Amino acid sequence: MAPKNLLRHKDCKSNLSEFDDVQGHPGFDKQGTRFKRLIKDQNDHSDLEEGIRRLVLCSGKVYYELDEERKKAQGKDVAICRVEQLCPFPYDLIQRELKRYP
């Protein structure tokens, strides 16, 4: 059994549109039918790739703990990406994300 502490966590809420990986992807006639394999950093500073010194990859509830610590430390040089699909591992998406940062 997994802990259920994230069920009421204020940051663990999503709209249905946020579950869609590629809207209008060929072969899928409905939006919202694809799973996001990698979720990029969604903080205010996440668009400032030049200032990022460290990229952390994590999965599951660890993200919320890391994000909370980053907010406490006011760390603007760390980006956190969530790997949501471990098998098959999303090498292509991680390579693309690594290229975004210097």
PDB file of N, CA and C in Angstrom:
ATOM      1  N   MET A   1       0.839  -1.184   0.000  1.00  0.00           N
ATOM      2  CA  MET A   1       0.000   0.000   0.000  1.00  0.00           C
ATOM      3  C   MET A   1       0.884   1.247   0.000  1.00  0.00           C
ATOM      4  N   ALA A   2       0.470   2.203  -0.777  1.00  0.00           N
ATOM      5  CA  ALA A   2       1.200   3.468  -0.853  1.00  0.00           C
ATOM      6  C   ALA A   2       0.583   4.477   0.107  1.00  0.00           C
ATOM      7  N   PRO A   3       1.395   5.378   0.642  1.00  0.00           N
ATOM      8  CA  PRO A   3       0.830   6.411   1.511  1.00  0.00           C
ATOM      9  C   PRO A   3      -0.107   7.313   0.715  1.00  0.00           C
ATOM     10  N   LYS A   4      -1.136   7.777   1.364  1.00  0.00           N
ATOM     11  CA  LYS A   4      -2.148   8.577   0.687  1.00  0.00           C
ATOM     12  C   LYS A   4      -2.088  10.047   1.082  1.00  0.00           C
ATOM     13  N   ASN A   5      -0.926  10.500   1.539  1.00  0.00           N
ATOM     14  CA  ASN A   5      -0.809  11.880   1.990  1.00  0.00           C
ATOM     15  C   ASN A   5      -0.891  12.882   0.851  1.00  0.00           C
ATOM     16  N   LEU A   6      -0.728  12.452  -0.395  1.00  0.00           N
ATOM     17  CA  LEU A   6      -0.811  13.383  -1.516  1.00  0.00           C
ATOM     18  C   LEU A   6      -2.240  13.613  -1.994  1.00  0.00           C
ATOM     19  N   LEU A   7      -3.179  12.836  -1.513  1.00  0.00           N
ATOM     20  CA  LEU A   7      -4.565  13.008  -1.956  1.00  0.00           C
ATOM     21  C   LEU A   7      -5.111  14.386  -1.619  1.00  0.00           C
ATOM     22  N   ARG A   8      -4.664  14.957  -0.521  1.00  0.00           N
ATOM     23  CA  ARG A   8      -5.158  16.274  -0.108  1.00  0.00           C
ATOM     24  C   ARG A   8      -4.089  17.361  -0.212  1.00  0.00           C
ATOM     25  N   HIS A   9      -2.973  17.046  -0.800  1.00  0.00           N
ATOM     26  CA  HIS A   9      -1.897  18.024  -0.941  1.00  0.00           C
ATOM     27  C   HIS A   9      -2.342  19.130  -1.883  1.00  0.00           C
ATOM     28  N   LYS A  10      -2.106  20.375  -1.495  1.00  0.00           N
ATOM     29  CA  LYS A  10      -2.619  21.513  -2.264  1.00  0.00           C
ATOM     30  C   LYS A  10      -2.004  21.632  -3.655  1.00  0.00           C
ATOM     31  N   ASP A  11      -0.805  21.130  -3.857  1.00  0.00           N
ATOM     32  CA  ASP A  11      -0.141  21.235  -5.158  1.00  0.00           C
ATOM     33  C   ASP A  11      -0.380  20.026  -6.064  1.00  0.00           C
ATOM     34  N   CYS A  12      -1.150  19.048  -5.610  1.00  0.00           N
ATOM     35  CA  CYS A  12      -1.359  17.813  -6.380  1.00  0.00           C
ATOM     36  C   CYS A  12      -2.684  17.801  -7.124  1.00  0.00           C
ATOM     37  N   LYS A  13      -3.117  18.933  -7.577  1.00  0.00           N
ATOM     38  CA  LYS A  13      -4.389  19.006  -8.297  1.00  0.00           C
ATOM     39  C   LYS A  13      -4.115  19.390  -9.736  1.00  0.00           C
ATOM     40  N   SER A  14      -4.829  18.759 -10.662  1.00  0.00           N
ATOM     41  CA  SER A  14      -4.620  19.013 -12.085  1.00  0.00           C
ATOM     42  C   SER A  14      -5.949  19.095 -12.807  1.00  0.00           C
ATOM     43  N   ASN A  15      -5.967  19.899 -13.855  1.00  0.00           N
ATOM     44  CA  ASN A  15      -7.103  19.914 -14.765  1.00  0.00           C
ATOM     45  C   ASN A  15      -6.941  18.763 -15.739  1.00  0.00           C
ATOM     46  N   LEU A  16      -8.024  18.363 -16.374  1.00  0.00           N
ATOM     47  CA  LEU A  16      -7.962  17.274 -17.336  1.00  0.00           C
ATOM     48  C   LEU A  16      -7.026  17.607 -18.490  1.00  0.00           C
ATOM     49  N   SER A  17      -6.979  18.873 -18.887  1.00  0.00           N
ATOM     50  CA  SER A  17      -6.121  19.274 -20.009  1.00  0.00           C
ATOM     51  C   SER A  17      -4.636  19.092 -19.692  1.00  0.00           C
ATOM     52  N   GLU A  18      -4.266  19.072 -18.419  1.00  0.00           N
ATOM     53  CA  GLU A  18      -2.864  18.906 -18.043  1.00  0.00           C
ATOM     54  C   GLU A  18      -2.374  17.471 -18.198  1.00  0.00           C
ATOM     55  N   PHE A  19      -3.284  16.532 -18.400  1.00  0.00           N
ATOM     56  CA  PHE A  19      -2.892  15.136 -18.557  1.00  0.00           C
ATOM     57  C   PHE A  19      -2.499  14.797 -19.985  1.00  0.00           C
ATOM     58  N   ASP A  20      -2.777  15.687 -20.923  1.00  0.00           N
ATOM     59  CA  ASP A  20      -2.526  15.417 -22.331  1.00  0.00           C
ATOM     60  C   ASP A  20      -1.076  15.699 -22.675  1.00  0.00           C
ATOM     61  N   ASP A  21      -0.393  14.730 -23.272  1.00  0.00           N
ATOM     62  CA  ASP A  21       1.008  14.899 -23.645  1.00  0.00           C
ATOM     63  C   ASP A  21       1.143  15.668 -24.950  1.00  0.00           C
ATOM     64  N   VAL A  22       0.502  15.202 -25.985  1.00  0.00           N
ATOM     65  CA  VAL A  22       0.610  15.836 -27.297  1.00  0.00           C
ATOM     66  C   VAL A  22      -0.798  16.034 -27.837  1.00  0.00           C
ATOM     67  N   GLN A  23      -1.284  17.248 -27.766  1.00  0.00           N
ATOM     68  CA  GLN A  23      -2.628  17.502 -28.277  1.00  0.00           C
ATOM     69  C   GLN A  23      -2.602  17.462 -29.792  1.00  0.00           C
ATOM     70  N   GLY A  24      -3.552  16.764 -30.358  1.00  0.00           N
ATOM     71  CA  GLY A  24      -3.629  16.647 -31.800  1.00  0.00           C
ATOM     72  C   GLY A  24      -2.570  15.731 -32.386  1.00  0.00           C
ATOM     73  N   HIS A  25      -2.037  14.809 -31.600  1.00  0.00           N
ATOM     74  CA  HIS A  25      -1.012  13.875 -32.065  1.00  0.00           C
ATOM     75  C   HIS A  25      -1.613  12.945 -33.121  1.00  0.00           C
ATOM     76  N   PRO A  26      -0.909  12.718 -34.228  1.00  0.00           N
ATOM     77  CA  PRO A  26      -1.435  11.811 -35.257  1.00  0.00           C
ATOM     78  C   PRO A  26      -1.702  10.426 -34.683  1.00  0.00           C
ATOM     79  N   GLY A  27      -2.820   9.869 -35.024  1.00  0.00           N
ATOM     80  CA  GLY A  27      -3.188   8.551 -34.529  1.00  0.00           C
ATOM     81  C   GLY A  27      -4.079   8.607 -33.306  1.00  0.00           C
ATOM     82  N   PHE A  28      -4.230   9.769 -32.718  1.00  0.00           N
ATOM     83  CA  PHE A  28      -5.114   9.932 -31.573  1.00  0.00           C
ATOM     84  C   PHE A  28      -6.177  10.945 -31.956  1.00  0.00           C
ATOM     85  N   ASP A  29      -7.418  10.506 -31.985  1.00  0.00           N
ATOM     86  CA  ASP A  29      -8.483  11.396 -32.423  1.00  0.00           C
ATOM     87  C   ASP A  29      -9.065  12.227 -31.294  1.00  0.00           C
ATOM     88  N   LYS A  30      -8.703  11.932 -30.076  1.00  0.00           N
ATOM     89  CA  LYS A  30      -9.238  12.684 -28.939  1.00  0.00           C
ATOM     90  C   LYS A  30      -8.100  13.335 -28.171  1.00  0.00           C
ATOM     91  N   GLN A  31      -8.330  14.564 -27.758  1.00  0.00           N
ATOM     92  CA  GLN A  31      -7.350  15.205 -26.891  1.00  0.00           C
ATOM     93  C   GLN A  31      -7.468  14.598 -25.503  1.00  0.00           C
ATOM     94  N   GLY A  32      -6.386  14.603 -24.789  1.00  0.00           N
ATOM     95  CA  GLY A  32      -6.401  14.078 -23.431  1.00  0.00           C
ATOM     96  C   GLY A  32      -6.228  12.578 -23.359  1.00  0.00           C
ATOM     97  N   THR A  33      -5.783  11.948 -24.446  1.00  0.00           N
ATOM     98  CA  THR A  33      -5.648  10.496 -24.445  1.00  0.00           C
ATOM     99  C   THR A  33      -4.206  10.024 -24.294  1.00  0.00           C
ATOM    100  N   ARG A  34      -3.270  10.942 -24.113  1.00  0.00           N
ATOM    101  CA  ARG A  34      -1.864  10.565 -23.965  1.00  0.00           C
ATOM    102  C   ARG A  34      -1.373  10.909 -22.566  1.00  0.00           C
ATOM    103  N   PHE A  35      -0.449  10.135 -22.094  1.00  0.00           N
ATOM    104  CA  PHE A  35       0.115  10.271 -20.756  1.00  0.00           C
ATOM    105  C   PHE A  35       1.390  11.098 -20.828  1.00  0.00           C
ATOM    106  N   LYS A  36       1.576  12.032 -19.901  1.00  0.00           N
ATOM    107  CA  LYS A  36       2.821  12.805 -19.845  1.00  0.00           C
ATOM    108  C   LYS A  36       3.894  11.943 -19.198  1.00  0.00           C
ATOM    109  N   ARG A  37       4.908  11.609 -19.967  1.00  0.00           N
ATOM    110  CA  ARG A  37       5.978  10.750 -19.458  1.00  0.00           C
ATOM    111  C   ARG A  37       6.996  11.528 -18.648  1.00  0.00           C
ATOM    112  N   LEU A  38       7.136  12.815 -18.939  1.00  0.00           N
ATOM    113  CA  LEU A  38       8.064  13.687 -18.225  1.00  0.00           C
ATOM    114  C   LEU A  38       7.373  15.027 -18.019  1.00  0.00           C
ATOM    115  N   ILE A  39       7.376  15.512 -16.797  1.00  0.00           N
ATOM    116  CA  ILE A  39       6.775  16.812 -16.491  1.00  0.00           C
ATOM    117  C   ILE A  39       7.906  17.780 -16.189  1.00  0.00           C
ATOM    118  N   LYS A  40       7.983  18.830 -17.000  1.00  0.00           N
ATOM    119  CA  LYS A  40       9.045  19.824 -16.848  1.00  0.00           C
ATOM    120  C   LYS A  40       8.839  20.646 -15.588  1.00  0.00           C
ATOM    121  N   ASP A  41       9.896  21.317 -15.170  1.00  0.00           N
ATOM    122  CA  ASP A  41       9.834  22.211 -14.012  1.00  0.00           C
ATOM    123  C   ASP A  41       8.809  23.298 -14.282  1.00  0.00           C
ATOM    124  N   GLN A  42       7.936  23.548 -13.318  1.00  0.00           N
ATOM    125  CA  GLN A  42       6.836  24.479 -13.522  1.00  0.00           C
ATOM    126  C   GLN A  42       6.886  25.665 -12.576  1.00  0.00           C
ATOM    127  N   ASN A  43       8.063  26.039 -12.128  1.00  0.00           N
ATOM    128  CA  ASN A  43       8.190  27.204 -11.259  1.00  0.00           C
ATOM    129  C   ASN A  43       8.347  28.470 -12.075  1.00  0.00           C
ATOM    130  N   ASP A  44       8.304  29.603 -11.391  1.00  0.00           N
ATOM    131  CA  ASP A  44       8.401  30.901 -12.059  1.00  0.00           C
ATOM    132  C   ASP A  44       9.715  31.068 -12.802  1.00  0.00           C
ATOM    133  N   HIS A  45      10.780  30.502 -12.293  1.00  0.00           N
ATOM    134  CA  HIS A  45      12.102  30.661 -12.894  1.00  0.00           C
ATOM    135  C   HIS A  45      12.427  29.578 -13.921  1.00  0.00           C
ATOM    136  N   SER A  46      11.504  28.675 -14.210  1.00  0.00           N
ATOM    137  CA  SER A  46      11.816  27.536 -15.074  1.00  0.00           C
ATOM    138  C   SER A  46      12.092  27.929 -16.522  1.00  0.00           C
ATOM    139  N   ASP A  47      11.707  29.135 -16.938  1.00  0.00           N
ATOM    140  CA  ASP A  47      11.989  29.582 -18.304  1.00  0.00           C
ATOM    141  C   ASP A  47      13.371  30.211 -18.433  1.00  0.00           C
ATOM    142  N   LEU A  48      14.069  30.394 -17.325  1.00  0.00           N
ATOM    143  CA  LEU A  48      15.391  31.027 -17.335  1.00  0.00           C
ATOM    144  C   LEU A  48      16.470  29.948 -17.324  1.00  0.00           C
ATOM    145  N   GLU A  49      16.672  29.305 -18.465  1.00  0.00           N
ATOM    146  CA  GLU A  49      17.607  28.186 -18.538  1.00  0.00           C
ATOM    147  C   GLU A  49      19.033  28.580 -18.183  1.00  0.00           C
ATOM    148  N   GLU A  50      19.427  29.825 -18.489  1.00  0.00           N
ATOM    149  CA  GLU A  50      20.805  30.243 -18.250  1.00  0.00           C
ATOM    150  C   GLU A  50      21.158  30.253 -16.766  1.00  0.00           C
ATOM    151  N   GLY A  51      20.202  30.510 -15.900  1.00  0.00           N
ATOM    152  CA  GLY A  51      20.477  30.590 -14.476  1.00  0.00           C
ATOM    153  C   GLY A  51      20.450  29.252 -13.763  1.00  0.00           C
ATOM    154  N   ILE A  52      20.070  28.195 -14.454  1.00  0.00           N
ATOM    155  CA  ILE A  52      19.960  26.880 -13.831  1.00  0.00           C
ATOM    156  C   ILE A  52      21.330  26.205 -13.821  1.00  0.00           C
ATOM    157  N   ARG A  53      21.764  25.787 -12.632  1.00  0.00           N
ATOM    158  CA  ARG A  53      23.047  25.092 -12.490  1.00  0.00           C
ATOM    159  C   ARG A  53      22.877  23.599 -12.275  1.00  0.00           C
ATOM    160  N   ARG A  54      21.692  23.189 -11.834  1.00  0.00           N
ATOM    161  CA  ARG A  54      21.480  21.780 -11.513  1.00  0.00           C
ATOM    162  C   ARG A  54      20.079  21.366 -11.946  1.00  0.00           C
ATOM    163  N   LEU A  55      19.989  20.216 -12.600  1.00  0.00           N
ATOM    164  CA  LEU A  55      18.707  19.634 -12.990  1.00  0.00           C
ATOM    165  C   LEU A  55      18.527  18.350 -12.203  1.00  0.00           C
ATOM    166  N   VAL A  56      17.438  18.268 -11.457  1.00  0.00           N
ATOM    167  CA  VAL A  56      17.154  17.098 -10.633  1.00  0.00           C
ATOM    168  C   VAL A  56      16.013  16.327 -11.285  1.00  0.00           C
ATOM    169  N   LEU A  57      16.213  15.040 -11.502  1.00  0.00           N
ATOM    170  CA  LEU A  57      15.169  14.163 -12.015  1.00  0.00           C
ATOM    171  C   LEU A  57      14.660  13.323 -10.857  1.00  0.00           C
ATOM    172  N   CYS A  58      13.352  13.262 -10.713  1.00  0.00           N
ATOM    173  CA  CYS A  58      12.776  12.480  -9.624  1.00  0.00           C
ATOM    174  C   CYS A  58      11.440  11.916 -10.078  1.00  0.00           C
ATOM    175  N   SER A  59      10.807  11.175  -9.207  1.00  0.00           N
ATOM    176  CA  SER A  59       9.519  10.580  -9.511  1.00  0.00           C
ATOM    177  C   SER A  59       8.681  10.530  -8.242  1.00  0.00           C
ATOM    178  N   GLY A  60       7.379  10.618  -8.420  1.00  0.00           N
ATOM    179  CA  GLY A  60       6.459  10.447  -7.305  1.00  0.00           C
ATOM    180  C   GLY A  60       6.452  11.582  -6.311  1.00  0.00           C
ATOM    181  N   LYS A  61       6.192  11.230  -5.064  1.00  0.00           N
ATOM    182  CA  LYS A  61       6.015  12.245  -4.028  1.00  0.00           C
ATOM    183  C   LYS A  61       7.310  12.954  -3.650  1.00  0.00           C
ATOM    184  N   VAL A  62       8.443  12.420  -4.076  1.00  0.00           N
ATOM    185  CA  VAL A  62       9.725  13.059  -3.793  1.00  0.00           C
ATOM    186  C   VAL A  62       9.755  14.467  -4.383  1.00  0.00           C
ATOM    187  N   TYR A  63       9.072  14.667  -5.515  1.00  0.00           N
ATOM    188  CA  TYR A  63       9.045  15.986  -6.151  1.00  0.00           C
ATOM    189  C   TYR A  63       8.533  17.047  -5.186  1.00  0.00           C
ATOM    190  N   TYR A  64       7.462  16.768  -4.489  1.00  0.00           N
ATOM    191  CA  TYR A  64       6.850  17.767  -3.612  1.00  0.00           C
ATOM    192  C   TYR A  64       7.751  18.096  -2.426  1.00  0.00           C
ATOM    193  N   GLU A  65       8.488  17.118  -1.943  1.00  0.00           N
ATOM    194  CA  GLU A  65       9.441  17.370  -0.861  1.00  0.00           C
ATOM    195  C   GLU A  65      10.609  18.221  -1.360  1.00  0.00           C
ATOM    196  N   LEU A  66      11.124  17.894  -2.548  1.00  0.00           N
ATOM    197  CA  LEU A  66      12.219  18.679  -3.124  1.00  0.00           C
ATOM    198  C   LEU A  66      11.779  20.106  -3.436  1.00  0.00           C
ATOM    199  N   ASP A  67      10.581  20.248  -3.976  1.00  0.00           N
ATOM    200  CA  ASP A  67      10.071  21.572  -4.319  1.00  0.00           C
ATOM    201  C   ASP A  67       9.882  22.430  -3.067  1.00  0.00           C
ATOM    202  N   GLU A  68       9.410  21.824  -1.999  1.00  0.00           N
ATOM    203  CA  GLU A  68       9.233  22.559  -0.737  1.00  0.00           C
ATOM    204  C   GLU A  68      10.578  23.036  -0.192  1.00  0.00           C
ATOM    205  N   GLU A  69      11.578  22.175  -0.233  1.00  0.00           N
ATOM    206  CA  GLU A  69      12.914  22.567   0.237  1.00  0.00           C
ATOM    207  C   GLU A  69      13.518  23.648  -0.653  1.00  0.00           C
ATOM    208  N   ARG A  70      13.283  23.558  -1.948  1.00  0.00           N
ATOM    209  CA  ARG A  70      13.795  24.578  -2.864  1.00  0.00           C
ATOM    210  C   ARG A  70      13.152  25.930  -2.567  1.00  0.00           C
ATOM    211  N   LYS A  71      11.870  25.934  -2.260  1.00  0.00           N
ATOM    212  CA  LYS A  71      11.187  27.192  -1.924  1.00  0.00           C
ATOM    213  C   LYS A  71      11.723  27.777  -0.623  1.00  0.00           C
ATOM    214  N   LYS A  72      11.992  26.922   0.359  1.00  0.00           N
ATOM    215  CA  LYS A  72      12.548  27.398   1.630  1.00  0.00           C
ATOM    216  C   LYS A  72      13.919  28.029   1.427  1.00  0.00           C
ATOM    217  N   ALA A  73      14.720  27.411   0.574  1.00  0.00           N
ATOM    218  CA  ALA A  73      16.079  27.904   0.330  1.00  0.00           C
ATOM    219  C   ALA A  73      16.112  29.004  -0.728  1.00  0.00           C
ATOM    220  N   GLN A  74      14.965  29.306  -1.312  1.00  0.00           N
ATOM    221  CA  GLN A  74      14.849  30.295  -2.387  1.00  0.00           C
ATOM    222  C   GLN A  74      15.836  29.984  -3.503  1.00  0.00           C
ATOM    223  N   GLY A  75      15.943  28.714  -3.824  1.00  0.00           N
ATOM    224  CA  GLY A  75      16.866  28.277  -4.864  1.00  0.00           C
ATOM    225  C   GLY A  75      16.309  28.499  -6.256  1.00  0.00           C
ATOM    226  N   LYS A  76      16.927  29.409  -6.977  1.00  0.00           N
ATOM    227  CA  LYS A  76      16.503  29.687  -8.344  1.00  0.00           C
ATOM    228  C   LYS A  76      17.449  29.066  -9.368  1.00  0.00           C
ATOM    229  N   ASP A  77      18.444  28.326  -8.883  1.00  0.00           N
ATOM    230  CA  ASP A  77      19.405  27.720  -9.798  1.00  0.00           C
ATOM    231  C   ASP A  77      19.218  26.209  -9.933  1.00  0.00           C
ATOM    232  N   VAL A  78      18.093  25.696  -9.422  1.00  0.00           N
ATOM    233  CA  VAL A  78      17.803  24.269  -9.494  1.00  0.00           C
ATOM    234  C   VAL A  78      16.465  24.065 -10.196  1.00  0.00           C
ATOM    235  N   ALA A  79      16.452  23.196 -11.188  1.00  0.00           N
ATOM    236  CA  ALA A  79      15.214  22.814 -11.869  1.00  0.00           C
ATOM    237  C   ALA A  79      14.899  21.367 -11.494  1.00  0.00           C
ATOM    238  N   ILE A  80      13.627  21.078 -11.290  1.00  0.00           N
ATOM    239  CA  ILE A  80      13.202  19.732 -10.914  1.00  0.00           C
ATOM    240  C   ILE A  80      12.221  19.224 -11.964  1.00  0.00           C
ATOM    241  N   CYS A  81      12.549  18.103 -12.576  1.00  0.00           N
ATOM    242  CA  CYS A  81      11.669  17.475 -13.556  1.00  0.00           C
ATOM    243  C   CYS A  81      11.186  16.142 -12.998  1.00  0.00           C
ATOM    244  N   ARG A  82       9.927  15.851 -13.266  1.00  0.00           N
ATOM    245  CA  ARG A  82       9.342  14.606 -12.769  1.00  0.00           C
ATOM    246  C   ARG A  82       9.279  13.574 -13.884  1.00  0.00           C
ATOM    247  N   VAL A  83       9.877  12.432 -13.652  1.00  0.00           N
ATOM    248  CA  VAL A  83       9.803  11.311 -14.584  1.00  0.00           C
ATOM    249  C   VAL A  83       8.588  10.492 -14.165  1.00  0.00           C
ATOM    250  N   GLU A  84       7.550  10.522 -14.978  1.00  0.00           N
ATOM    251  CA  GLU A  84       6.291   9.874 -14.624  1.00  0.00           C
ATOM    252  C   GLU A  84       6.181   8.458 -15.178  1.00  0.00           C
ATOM    253  N   GLN A  85       6.981   8.133 -16.184  1.00  0.00           N
ATOM    254  CA  GLN A  85       6.968   6.788 -16.752  1.00  0.00           C
ATOM    255  C   GLN A  85       8.371   6.224 -16.649  1.00  0.00           C
ATOM    256  N   LEU A  86       8.524   5.155 -15.888  1.00  0.00           N
ATOM    257  CA  LEU A  86       9.847   4.575 -15.687  1.00  0.00           C
ATOM    258  C   LEU A  86      10.151   3.452 -16.674  1.00  0.00           C
ATOM    259  N   CYS A  87       9.117   2.815 -17.193  1.00  0.00           N
ATOM    260  CA  CYS A  87       9.329   1.719 -18.132  1.00  0.00           C
ATOM    261  C   CYS A  87       8.263   1.759 -19.221  1.00  0.00           C
ATOM    262  N   PRO A  88       8.613   1.881 -20.461  1.00  0.00           N
ATOM    263  CA  PRO A  88       9.953   2.124 -20.960  1.00  0.00           C
ATOM    264  C   PRO A  88      10.425   3.526 -20.583  1.00  0.00           C
ATOM    265  N   PHE A  89      11.685   3.623 -20.282  1.00  0.00           N
ATOM    266  CA  PHE A  89      12.258   4.878 -19.798  1.00  0.00           C
ATOM    267  C   PHE A  89      12.255   5.922 -20.914  1.00  0.00           C
ATOM    268  N   PRO A  90      11.835   7.159 -20.627  1.00  0.00           N
ATOM    269  CA  PRO A  90      11.714   8.197 -21.662  1.00  0.00           C
ATOM    270  C   PRO A  90      13.042   8.886 -21.985  1.00  0.00           C
ATOM    271  N   TYR A  91      13.990   8.142 -22.539  1.00  0.00           N
ATOM    272  CA  TYR A  91      15.309   8.696 -22.866  1.00  0.00           C
ATOM    273  C   TYR A  91      15.205   9.910 -23.777  1.00  0.00           C
ATOM    274  N   ASP A  92      14.307   9.842 -24.760  1.00  0.00           N
ATOM    275  CA  ASP A  92      14.182  10.939 -25.721  1.00  0.00           C
ATOM    276  C   ASP A  92      13.773  12.241 -25.050  1.00  0.00           C
ATOM    277  N   LEU A  93      12.827  12.179 -24.137  1.00  0.00           N
ATOM    278  CA  LEU A  93      12.365  13.392 -23.453  1.00  0.00           C
ATOM    279  C   LEU A  93      13.418  13.933 -22.493  1.00  0.00           C
ATOM    280  N   ILE A  94      14.139  13.051 -21.843  1.00  0.00           N
ATOM    281  CA  ILE A  94      15.175  13.500 -20.913  1.00  0.00           C
ATOM    282  C   ILE A  94      16.333  14.132 -21.680  1.00  0.00           C
ATOM    283  N   GLN A  95      16.705  13.553 -22.814  1.00  0.00           N
ATOM    284  CA  GLN A  95      17.748  14.158 -23.647  1.00  0.00           C
ATOM    285  C   GLN A  95      17.335  15.558 -24.087  1.00  0.00           C
ATOM    286  N   ARG A  96      16.092  15.723 -24.497  1.00  0.00           N
ATOM    287  CA  ARG A  96      15.592  17.029 -24.926  1.00  0.00           C
ATOM    288  C   ARG A  96      15.623  18.029 -23.772  1.00  0.00           C
ATOM    289  N   GLU A  97      15.279  17.569 -22.590  1.00  0.00           N
ATOM    290  CA  GLU A  97      15.275  18.453 -21.422  1.00  0.00           C
ATOM    291  C   GLU A  97      16.701  18.825 -21.017  1.00  0.00           C
ATOM    292  N   LEU A  98      17.628  17.889 -21.092  1.00  0.00           N
ATOM    293  CA  LEU A  98      19.027  18.175 -20.755  1.00  0.00           C
ATOM    294  C   LEU A  98      19.635  19.209 -21.697  1.00  0.00           C
ATOM    295  N   LYS A  99      19.226  19.206 -22.943  1.00  0.00           N
ATOM    296  CA  LYS A  99      19.760  20.157 -23.921  1.00  0.00           C
ATOM    297  C   LYS A  99      19.272  21.580 -23.670  1.00  0.00           C
ATOM    298  N   ARG A 100      18.184  21.735 -22.930  1.00  0.00           N
ATOM    299  CA  ARG A 100      17.659  23.072 -22.637  1.00  0.00           C
ATOM    300  C   ARG A 100      18.567  23.857 -21.704  1.00  0.00           C
ATOM    301  N   TYR A 101      19.309  23.155 -20.870  1.00  0.00           N
ATOM    302  CA  TYR A 101      20.108  23.814 -19.842  1.00  0.00           C
ATOM    303  C   TYR A 101      21.583  23.802 -20.227  1.00  0.00           C
ATOM    304  N   PRO A 102      22.310  24.900 -19.919  1.00  0.00           N
ATOM    305  CA  PRO A 102      23.735  24.982 -20.299  1.00  0.00           C
ATOM    306  C   PRO A 102      24.612  24.009 -19.520  1.00  0.00           C
TER     307      PRO A 102
END
